Amino acid sequence: MAQIETELRWQFWKRHSLMGFTGGRLVWNNFERFQNNQTVLTGGVGLRYEIARKFGVHMGIDVAFGPSDPALCVQFGSVWFRP
C-alpha cells in the first residue's frame, strides 16, 4: 500500500477555522509485479473550533467523501505533528 494525504486549515475568525483535506491510496496484492492494483481517492471539508488555545487543540466536524457513501466525522485534536 502507498498513501499520500494533505490537509489545509484556514483560521478565519478568532478560534474558528475551515479545513479541506484530500488523499489517495494505491493498494496491490503482488509486490513483485504490482499487479491487481486498486486506487482509492478521498477528500472532504470540515469546521473546527480551538477549545484549548494554550495547547493548540481543536475540535470539530468533517464531511468526507470517498468511493462509497459520504461520512460525517467528529474530530478532537489532530494526527499531524506540530513543532
Protein backbone atom coordinates (compact mmCIF):
# COMPACT_ATOMS: atom_id res chain seq x y z
CA MET A 1 0.00 0.00 0.00
CA ALA A 2 1.18 3.53 -0.79
CA GLN A 3 -0.63 6.54 0.63
CA ILE A 4 -0.43 10.34 0.47
CA GLU A 5 -2.59 12.89 2.31
CA THR A 6 -2.78 16.66 2.67
CA GLU A 7 -4.78 18.97 4.89
CA LEU A 8 -5.22 22.74 4.76
CA ARG A 9 -6.66 24.81 7.59
CA TRP A 10 -7.65 28.49 7.49
CA GLN A 11 -8.33 30.19 10.82
CA PHE A 12 -10.80 32.78 9.57
CA TRP A 13 -12.16 34.28 12.83
CA LYS A 14 -10.77 34.14 16.37
CA ARG A 15 -10.88 30.42 17.29
CA HIS A 16 -12.89 29.21 14.25
CA SER A 17 -11.29 27.58 11.21
CA LEU A 18 -12.25 25.86 7.96
CA MET A 19 -10.50 22.79 6.65
CA GLY A 20 -10.07 20.96 3.39
CA PHE A 21 -8.39 17.59 3.02
CA THR A 22 -7.67 15.05 0.32
CA GLY A 23 -5.83 11.78 0.00
CA GLY A 24 -5.01 8.97 -2.34
CA ARG A 25 -4.11 5.33 -1.83
CA LEU A 26 -2.79 2.64 -4.11
CA VAL A 27 -3.13 -0.96 -2.96
CA TRP A 28 -1.84 -4.08 -4.71
CA ASN A 29 -1.58 -7.76 -3.83
CA ASN A 30 1.55 -8.73 -5.77
CA PHE A 31 4.53 -6.65 -4.65
CA GLU A 32 6.94 -8.05 -7.24
CA ARG A 33 4.85 -7.14 -10.29
CA PHE A 34 2.45 -4.53 -8.84
CA GLN A 35 -0.49 -6.41 -10.35
CA ASN A 36 -4.15 -6.33 -9.31
CA ASN A 37 -3.92 -2.78 -8.00
CA GLN A 38 -6.74 -0.58 -6.75
CA THR A 39 -6.68 3.21 -6.42
CA VAL A 40 -8.83 4.99 -3.83
CA LEU A 41 -9.26 8.79 -3.79
CA THR A 42 -10.88 10.64 -0.86
CA GLY A 43 -11.48 14.20 0.28
CA GLY A 44 -13.67 16.42 2.39
CA VAL A 45 -14.27 19.62 4.31
CA GLY A 46 -14.57 20.47 7.98
CA LEU A 47 -15.17 23.15 10.57
CA ARG A 48 -13.00 23.47 13.71
CA TYR A 49 -13.10 25.38 16.99
CA GLU A 50 -9.96 25.81 19.11
CA ILE A 51 -11.07 24.55 22.53
CA ALA A 52 -7.66 24.80 24.24
CA ARG A 53 -5.64 27.74 22.92
CA LYS A 54 -2.69 27.04 25.24
CA PHE A 55 -2.22 23.56 23.74
CA GLY A 56 -3.50 24.28 20.20
CA VAL A 57 -6.24 21.65 20.50
CA HIS A 58 -9.13 21.92 18.03
CA MET A 59 -12.45 20.10 17.91
CA GLY A 60 -14.87 19.98 15.03
CA ILE A 61 -16.89 18.12 12.46
CA ASP A 62 -15.94 16.85 8.99
CA VAL A 63 -17.82 15.64 5.95
CA ALA A 64 -15.69 13.16 3.99
CA PHE A 65 -16.26 11.75 0.51
CA GLY A 66 -14.81 8.59 -0.96
CA PRO A 67 -15.71 5.81 -3.37
CA SER A 68 -18.82 4.87 -1.36
CA ASP A 69 -21.24 6.91 0.77
CA PRO A 70 -20.22 10.21 2.42
CA ALA A 71 -19.21 10.09 6.10
CA LEU A 72 -19.76 12.52 8.95
CA CYS A 73 -16.90 12.56 11.48
CA VAL A 74 -16.40 14.28 14.83
CA GLN A 75 -12.74 15.21 15.36
CA PHE A 76 -10.79 16.01 18.52
CA GLY A 77 -7.15 17.03 18.24
CA SER A 78 -5.02 16.30 15.19
CA VAL A 79 -2.93 13.42 13.88
CA TRP A 80 -0.42 15.85 12.34
CA PHE A 81 2.76 16.67 14.25
CA ARG A 82 3.27 20.35 15.01
CA PRO A 83 6.60 21.53 16.48
